[in-house]
């Protein structure tokens, strides 16, 4: 996708030195575009943990590149397979909720099983990580094609008036290497000349909507309006929202979805106002081994400082200020669970399905064998 007219991905190996993995530092956006170098497993773990990079498909790809960097740390004194297993466990520990991370890391680890030649280990790991990136990009492109049909149908229903889509958090190309999940159908709609308008939730406490989604939509000339998280229900009551598109960090085989905290409230509002609510995801975000979101998905609890402070840009730098009493305590759950009954459907690279076990099994029959 575009930044000031130039194509970018959110993660890539350095063009001249493939021992360096480059990422866009999302903590610095939208105030400055900075590229960060990842040179070790520790660098990748820290970038994921501190949310220099975030978004389920992206942290999966980063975990895969982390496994590649782990192979570069091998010496003559290294117990190779123990080292690989330890690196995998460590990388997966950085963020517990999104299933893409463990999927990608374990994908690389399986490819390395039994290989003891360091050069072959590294080349295999790099090839696998690059393959995962290409798979996720292609998944997003196909998601865009399927989701476009929904936008096209709504546009015809409205006789060409702009289709108003409400989003939450950032499920754009920054989170997904390229295209994005939620944004892919939007970008394709714009390319086809279909009028769209995006209501962008600010998404407290880290404001990924305000800082990231708004920035990338603007870079790609998509009309949007930034709103407070609590405004979505009112806009739905006023019939100002036609569709709700949200991302997914982990879905169950029966259709429950874990996504950024606040998603559940948007789903309730959409359900009450008969507005289609879609979770947009690659199949790598579906955990086919679990069925109940509330009891089986681990919800990450983050530092309370994200809630008791707010970051912004002033006098040429990013600053953090307190917004509550000095002795206040805060809870900071990173995700919530939207039950399947509130979800109109999943938009995936394989097509669109209802958020039911029967329909998920129909679309992903190969995953249930």
Protein backbone atom coordinates (compact mmCIF):
# COMPACT_ATOMS: atom_id res chain seq x y z
CA UNK A 1 0.00 0.00 0.00
CA UNK A 2 0.99 3.63 -0.31
CA UNK A 3 2.85 6.11 1.88
CA UNK A 4 3.19 9.45 0.12
CA UNK A 5 2.73 7.62 -3.17
CA UNK A 6 5.38 4.96 -2.51
CA UNK A 7 4.58 1.28 -2.02
CA UNK A 8 5.41 -0.23 1.37
CA UNK A 9 4.89 -3.39 3.36
CA UNK A 10 4.86 -3.33 7.15
CA UNK A 11 7.69 -5.92 7.40
CA UNK A 12 10.48 -6.99 5.02
CA UNK A 13 14.11 -8.22 4.97
CA UNK A 14 16.70 -5.55 4.28
CA UNK A 15 17.39 -5.38 0.54
CA UNK A 16 21.18 -5.56 0.98
CA UNK A 17 21.56 -7.47 4.26
CA UNK A 18 19.05 -10.24 4.90
CA UNK A 19 20.27 -10.68 8.48
CA UNK A 20 18.23 -7.54 9.21
CA UNK A 21 14.43 -7.47 9.25
CA UNK A 22 12.87 -4.05 8.78
CA UNK A 23 9.50 -2.96 10.17
CA UNK A 24 7.49 0.24 10.28
CA UNK A 25 7.50 1.48 13.87
CA UNK A 26 3.78 1.81 14.58
CA UNK A 27 4.41 3.55 17.89
CA UNK A 28 5.70 6.59 15.98
CA UNK A 29 2.78 6.87 13.55
CA UNK A 30 1.12 9.08 12.43
CA UNK A 31 3.57 11.71 13.61
CA UNK A 32 6.65 10.32 11.88
CA UNK A 33 7.53 7.42 9.61
CA UNK A 34 10.40 5.50 11.16
CA UNK A 35 11.81 2.15 10.09
CA UNK A 36 13.15 -0.10 12.85
CA UNK A 37 15.76 -2.82 12.40
CA UNK A 38 15.27 -6.23 14.04
CA UNK A 39 18.50 -8.21 14.33
CA UNK A 40 17.78 -10.87 16.97
CA UNK A 41 15.09 -12.99 18.59
CA UNK A 42 15.12 -10.52 21.48
CA UNK A 43 14.50 -7.62 19.09
CA UNK A 44 11.47 -9.39 17.60
CA UNK A 45 10.07 -10.33 21.03
CA UNK A 46 10.42 -6.74 22.24
CA UNK A 47 8.89 -5.28 19.06
CA UNK A 48 5.84 -7.53 19.46
CA UNK A 49 5.52 -7.11 23.22
CA UNK A 50 5.86 -3.32 23.15
CA UNK A 51 3.62 -3.05 20.06
CA UNK A 52 6.18 -1.51 17.77
CA UNK A 53 4.45 -3.98 15.48
CA UNK A 54 0.90 -5.24 16.08
CA UNK A 55 -1.95 -6.87 14.21
CA UNK A 56 -2.48 -10.63 14.11
CA UNK A 57 -1.12 -11.43 10.62
CA UNK A 58 1.86 -9.09 11.07
CA UNK A 59 2.97 -10.48 14.42
CA UNK A 60 2.68 -13.95 12.92
CA UNK A 61 5.04 -12.94 10.11
CA UNK A 62 7.34 -11.26 12.62
CA UNK A 63 7.42 -14.43 14.70
CA UNK A 64 8.41 -16.39 11.60
CA UNK A 65 11.25 -13.96 10.89
CA UNK A 66 12.19 -14.24 14.56
CA UNK A 67 12.69 -17.96 14.06
CA UNK A 68 14.92 -17.18 11.07
CA UNK A 69 16.98 -14.77 13.20
CA UNK A 70 17.24 -17.52 15.83
CA UNK A 71 19.04 -19.71 13.30
CA UNK A 72 21.61 -16.95 12.78
CA UNK A 73 22.44 -17.03 16.51
CA UNK A 74 23.62 -20.66 16.36
CA UNK A 75 27.30 -21.33 17.15
CA UNK A 76 29.40 -24.49 17.30
CA UNK A 77 28.45 -24.80 20.98
CA UNK A 78 24.68 -24.54 20.41
CA UNK A 79 22.33 -27.45 20.94
CA UNK A 80 20.47 -26.73 17.73
CA UNK A 81 17.05 -28.29 18.26
CA UNK A 82 16.87 -27.12 21.88
CA UNK A 83 17.77 -23.62 20.72
CA UNK A 84 15.04 -23.66 18.07
CA UNK A 85 12.43 -24.93 20.54
CA UNK A 86 13.40 -22.34 23.15
CA UNK A 87 13.22 -19.54 20.58
CA UNK A 88 9.77 -20.70 19.51
CA UNK A 89 8.42 -20.75 23.07
CA UNK A 90 9.92 -17.35 23.80
CA UNK A 91 8.49 -15.69 20.70
CA UNK A 92 5.01 -17.15 21.28
CA UNK A 93 5.04 -15.78 24.84
CA UNK A 94 5.18 -12.17 23.61
CA UNK A 95 1.41 -11.92 22.87
CA UNK A 96 -0.99 -14.68 24.00
CA UNK A 97 -4.29 -13.86 22.28
CA UNK A 98 -3.65 -13.78 18.51
CA UNK A 99 -3.38 -17.31 17.15
CA UNK A 100 -1.40 -16.22 14.07
CA UNK A 101 1.76 -15.87 16.15
CA UNK A 102 1.85 -19.45 17.40
CA UNK A 103 0.71 -20.73 14.00
CA UNK A 104 3.54 -19.01 12.13
CA UNK A 105 6.25 -19.81 14.67
CA UNK A 106 5.26 -23.46 14.80
CA UNK A 107 5.08 -23.56 11.01
CA UNK A 108 8.74 -22.54 10.81
CA UNK A 109 9.74 -24.84 13.66
CA UNK A 110 8.20 -27.84 11.91
CA UNK A 111 10.15 -27.05 8.75
CA UNK A 112 13.39 -26.96 10.78
CA UNK A 113 12.78 -30.22 12.60
CA UNK A 114 15.70 -32.60 12.12
CA UNK A 115 17.94 -30.13 10.25
CA UNK A 116 21.33 -29.67 11.89
CA UNK A 117 23.27 -27.84 9.20
CA UNK A 118 23.25 -24.11 10.19
CA UNK A 119 23.24 -22.82 6.61
CA UNK A 120 20.36 -25.07 5.62
CA UNK A 121 18.50 -24.11 8.79
CA UNK A 122 18.79 -20.42 7.97
CA UNK A 123 17.85 -20.73 4.31
CA UNK A 124 14.86 -22.93 5.18
CA UNK A 125 13.67 -20.57 7.90
CA UNK A 126 14.00 -17.50 5.67
CA UNK A 127 12.20 -19.18 2.80
CA UNK A 128 9.38 -20.25 5.13
CA UNK A 129 9.03 -16.77 6.68
CA UNK A 130 8.92 -15.14 3.25
CA UNK A 131 6.33 -17.72 2.20
CA UNK A 132 4.16 -16.88 5.22
CA UNK A 133 4.32 -13.19 4.26
CA UNK A 134 3.23 -13.94 0.72
CA UNK A 135 0.45 -16.21 1.95
CA UNK A 136 -0.93 -13.54 4.26
CA UNK A 137 -0.75 -10.90 1.51
CA UNK A 138 -2.59 -13.18 -0.91
CA UNK A 139 -5.15 -14.01 1.80
CA UNK A 140 -5.84 -10.31 2.26
CA UNK A 141 -6.16 -9.74 -1.48
CA UNK A 142 -8.75 -12.52 -1.72
CA UNK A 143 -10.54 -11.21 1.37
CA UNK A 144 -10.79 -7.89 -0.43
CA UNK A 145 -12.44 -9.51 -3.45
CA UNK A 146 -15.02 -11.32 -1.31
CA UNK A 147 -15.72 -8.33 0.91
CA UNK A 148 -16.09 -6.07 -2.11
CA UNK A 149 -19.24 -7.98 -3.08
CA UNK A 150 -20.88 -6.92 0.18
CA UNK A 151 -19.98 -3.27 -0.39
CA UNK A 152 -21.16 -3.44 -4.02
CA UNK A 153 -24.52 -4.90 -2.97
CA UNK A 154 -25.01 -2.21 -0.33
CA UNK A 155 -24.05 0.50 -2.85
CA UNK A 156 -26.71 -0.74 -5.28
CA UNK A 157 -29.23 -0.85 -2.46
CA UNK A 158 -28.42 2.80 -1.71
CA UNK A 159 -28.58 3.82 -5.39
CA UNK A 160 -24.93 4.82 -5.45
CA UNK A 161 -24.91 6.88 -2.26
CA UNK A 162 -21.76 6.44 -0.14
CA UNK A 163 -21.59 3.19 1.85
CA UNK A 164 -20.86 4.05 5.49
CA UNK A 165 -18.66 1.43 7.16
CA UNK A 166 -17.74 1.51 10.84
CA UNK A 167 -14.38 0.05 11.87
CA UNK A 168 -12.71 -0.64 15.20
CA UNK A 169 -8.98 -0.63 15.97
CA UNK A 170 -6.67 -1.11 12.96
CA UNK A 171 -7.05 -4.10 10.66
CA UNK A 172 -5.39 -2.36 7.74
CA UNK A 173 -2.22 -3.09 5.83
CA UNK A 174 -0.11 -1.95 8.77
CA UNK A 175 -1.49 -4.91 10.72
CA UNK A 176 -1.38 -7.37 7.84
CA UNK A 177 1.85 -6.78 5.83
CA UNK A 178 -0.15 -5.48 2.84
CA UNK A 179 -3.79 -4.79 1.79
CA UNK A 180 -5.22 -5.38 5.26
CA UNK A 181 -8.28 -7.43 6.14
CA UNK A 182 -10.98 -4.86 6.94
CA UNK A 183 -9.42 -2.32 4.59
CA UNK A 184 -8.86 -4.61 1.59
CA UNK A 185 -12.53 -4.52 0.45
CA UNK A 186 -12.57 -0.77 1.07
CA UNK A 187 -9.49 -0.13 -1.08
CA UNK A 188 -10.91 -2.26 -3.89
CA UNK A 189 -14.22 -0.40 -3.67
CA UNK A 190 -12.41 2.93 -4.01
CA UNK A 191 -10.45 1.60 -6.99
CA UNK A 192 -13.74 0.62 -8.65
CA UNK A 193 -15.21 4.05 -8.04
CA UNK A 194 -17.74 2.92 -5.45
CA UNK A 195 -18.35 5.79 -2.99
CA UNK A 196 -17.50 4.78 0.59
CA UNK A 197 -17.09 6.60 3.86
CA UNK A 198 -15.45 5.11 6.96
CA UNK A 199 -16.38 5.85 10.55
CA UNK A 200 -13.06 5.30 12.36
CA UNK A 201 -13.29 4.41 16.06
CA UNK A 202 -10.44 6.06 17.97
CA UNK A 203 -9.97 2.74 19.87
CA UNK A 204 -8.82 3.53 23.36
CA UNK A 205 -6.56 3.02 25.16
CA UNK A 206 -3.82 2.97 22.49
CA UNK A 207 -5.84 4.82 19.85
CA UNK A 208 -4.94 2.51 16.96
CA UNK A 209 -7.95 3.80 15.02
CA UNK A 210 -7.04 7.46 15.46
CA UNK A 211 -3.33 6.97 14.93
CA UNK A 212 -3.13 4.13 12.41
CA UNK A 213 -6.41 3.52 10.55
CA UNK A 214 -7.02 7.23 9.98
CA UNK A 215 -3.44 7.68 8.77
CA UNK A 216 -3.46 4.82 6.27
CA UNK A 217 -6.92 5.68 4.93
CA UNK A 218 -5.73 9.22 4.39
CA UNK A 219 -2.58 8.03 2.64
CA UNK A 220 -4.79 6.05 0.24
CA UNK A 221 -7.39 8.79 -0.32
CA UNK A 222 -10.30 7.02 1.43
CA UNK A 223 -12.91 9.40 2.96
CA UNK A 224 -13.23 8.92 6.72
CA UNK A 225 -14.41 10.57 9.91
CA UNK A 226 -12.75 9.92 13.26
CA UNK A 227 -15.20 9.28 16.12
CA UNK A 228 -15.01 8.46 19.81
CA UNK A 229 -15.47 4.81 20.68
CA UNK A 230 -18.81 5.53 22.33
CA UNK A 231 -20.32 7.31 19.28
CA UNK A 232 -20.87 4.15 17.21
CA UNK A 233 -24.16 3.16 18.81
CA UNK A 234 -25.64 6.62 18.31
CA UNK A 235 -24.60 6.64 14.64
CA UNK A 236 -26.27 3.25 14.18
CA UNK A 237 -29.47 4.54 15.77
CA UNK A 238 -29.40 7.49 13.36
CA UNK A 239 -29.06 5.07 10.40
CA UNK A 240 -25.66 6.54 9.57
CA UNK A 241 -23.90 3.15 9.53
CA UNK A 242 -24.54 0.61 6.75
CA UNK A 243 -21.97 -2.04 7.65
CA UNK A 244 -19.61 -2.86 10.50
CA UNK A 245 -16.29 -4.45 9.55
CA UNK A 246 -13.94 -5.53 12.35
CA UNK A 247 -10.80 -7.63 12.44
CA UNK A 248 -10.05 -10.79 14.38
CA UNK A 249 -7.22 -11.94 16.61
CA UNK A 250 -8.61 -15.43 17.23
CA UNK A 251 -11.87 -17.08 16.19
CA UNK A 252 -13.21 -20.40 17.39
CA UNK A 253 -14.57 -23.30 15.36
CA UNK A 254 -18.09 -22.31 16.45
CA UNK A 255 -17.81 -18.65 15.47
CA UNK A 256 -16.86 -16.70 18.61
CA UNK A 257 -14.32 -13.95 17.93
CA UNK A 258 -11.64 -12.34 20.08
CA UNK A 259 -10.81 -8.86 18.86
CA UNK A 260 -9.71 -5.51 20.26
CA UNK A 261 -11.52 -4.52 23.44
CA UNK A 262 -14.77 -2.72 22.58
CA UNK A 263 -15.65 -4.96 19.63
CA UNK A 264 -18.35 -6.74 21.65
CA UNK A 265 -20.12 -3.42 22.36
CA UNK A 266 -20.13 -2.57 18.64
CA UNK A 267 -21.61 -5.99 17.89
CA UNK A 268 -24.39 -5.44 20.44
CA UNK A 269 -25.24 -2.06 18.92
CA UNK A 270 -25.21 -3.47 15.39
CA UNK A 271 -27.43 -6.39 16.44
CA UNK A 272 -29.93 -4.06 18.11
CA UNK A 273 -30.11 -1.87 15.00
CA UNK A 274 -30.18 -4.69 12.41
CA UNK A 275 -26.87 -3.64 10.86
CA UNK A 276 -24.68 -6.34 9.25
CA UNK A 277 -21.65 -7.03 11.42
CA UNK A 278 -18.75 -8.90 9.79
CA UNK A 279 -15.51 -10.19 11.26
CA UNK A 280 -12.88 -10.03 8.53
CA UNK A 281 -9.98 -12.48 8.83
CA UNK A 282 -7.59 -14.88 7.12
CA UNK A 283 -8.04 -18.53 8.02
CA UNK A 284 -4.77 -18.30 9.99
CA UNK A 285 -6.77 -16.36 12.59
CA UNK A 286 -9.20 -19.25 13.18
CA UNK A 287 -8.23 -21.65 15.94
CA UNK A 288 -9.99 -24.82 14.84
CA UNK A 289 -8.93 -26.60 18.06
CA UNK A 290 -11.23 -24.56 20.33
CA UNK A 291 -14.97 -23.96 20.34
CA UNK A 292 -15.84 -21.59 23.20
CA UNK A 293 -14.32 -18.13 23.16
CA UNK A 294 -15.01 -17.07 26.74
CA UNK A 295 -13.55 -20.17 28.37
CA UNK A 296 -10.78 -21.08 25.95
CA UNK A 297 -9.23 -17.85 24.64
CA UNK A 298 -6.60 -16.21 26.85
CA UNK A 299 -7.26 -12.48 27.06
CA UNK A 300 -4.12 -10.40 27.37
CA UNK A 301 -4.00 -7.93 30.27
CA UNK A 302 -1.71 -5.00 29.56
CA UNK A 303 0.01 -2.36 31.67
CA UNK A 304 -2.36 0.06 33.42
CA UNK A 305 -0.27 3.01 32.21
CA UNK A 306 -1.95 2.67 28.81
CA UNK A 307 -5.25 3.60 30.49
CA UNK A 308 -4.19 6.21 33.03
CA UNK A 309 -2.16 8.15 30.47
CA UNK A 310 -2.68 9.30 26.90
CA UNK A 311 0.01 9.92 24.30
CA UNK A 312 0.01 12.72 21.76
CA UNK A 313 2.23 14.98 19.72
CA UNK A 314 3.39 18.36 21.00
CA UNK A 315 6.40 20.58 20.38
CA UNK A 316 7.97 18.15 17.96
CA UNK A 317 7.79 15.03 20.14
CA UNK A 318 5.42 12.33 21.35
CA UNK A 319 4.45 12.98 24.95
CA UNK A 320 2.45 11.07 27.54
CA UNK A 321 0.20 12.82 30.06
CA UNK A 322 -1.84 11.51 32.99
CA UNK A 323 -5.64 11.78 32.65
CA UNK A 324 -6.75 10.61 36.12
CA UNK A 325 -5.86 11.03 39.80
CA UNK A 326 -2.29 10.13 40.68
CA UNK A 327 -3.26 7.15 42.83
CA UNK A 328 -5.86 5.74 40.40
CA UNK A 329 -5.73 2.05 39.53
CA UNK A 330 -6.82 0.84 36.10
CA UNK A 331 -7.77 -2.42 34.41
CA UNK A 332 -6.51 -2.91 30.87
CA UNK A 333 -7.85 -5.92 29.02
CA UNK A 334 -6.57 -5.93 25.45
CA UNK A 335 -9.41 -7.92 23.85
CA UNK A 336 -12.97 -9.05 24.36
CA UNK A 337 -15.06 -11.92 23.03
CA UNK A 338 -17.92 -11.35 20.60
CA UNK A 339 -20.24 -14.39 20.65
CA UNK A 340 -21.14 -15.95 17.32
CA UNK A 341 -24.84 -15.11 17.71
CA UNK A 342 -24.05 -11.41 17.21
CA UNK A 343 -21.93 -11.88 14.08
CA UNK A 344 -23.50 -11.77 10.63
CA UNK A 345 -20.59 -13.64 9.09
CA UNK A 346 -16.89 -14.14 8.51
CA UNK A 347 -15.18 -12.69 5.44
CA UNK A 348 -12.16 -14.88 4.67
CA UNK A 349 -9.85 -15.65 1.77
CA UNK A 350 -12.00 -18.69 0.99
CA UNK A 351 -15.24 -16.77 0.90
CA UNK A 352 -17.98 -15.62 3.23
CA UNK A 353 -19.65 -17.86 5.79
CA UNK A 354 -22.02 -17.53 8.70
CA UNK A 355 -20.48 -17.53 12.17
CA UNK A 356 -21.75 -21.04 12.87
CA UNK A 357 -19.94 -24.32 13.31
CA UNK A 358 -21.85 -25.83 10.40
CA UNK A 359 -20.97 -23.05 7.96
CA UNK A 360 -17.35 -22.79 9.13
CA UNK A 361 -16.97 -26.53 8.64
CA UNK A 362 -18.46 -26.24 5.16
CA UNK A 363 -15.99 -23.53 4.12
CA UNK A 364 -12.97 -25.06 5.86
CA UNK A 365 -13.73 -28.78 5.54
CA UNK A 366 -10.01 -29.57 5.22
CA UNK A 367 -9.38 -28.23 8.73
CA UNK A 368 -11.84 -30.62 10.37
CA UNK A 369 -10.53 -33.92 8.97
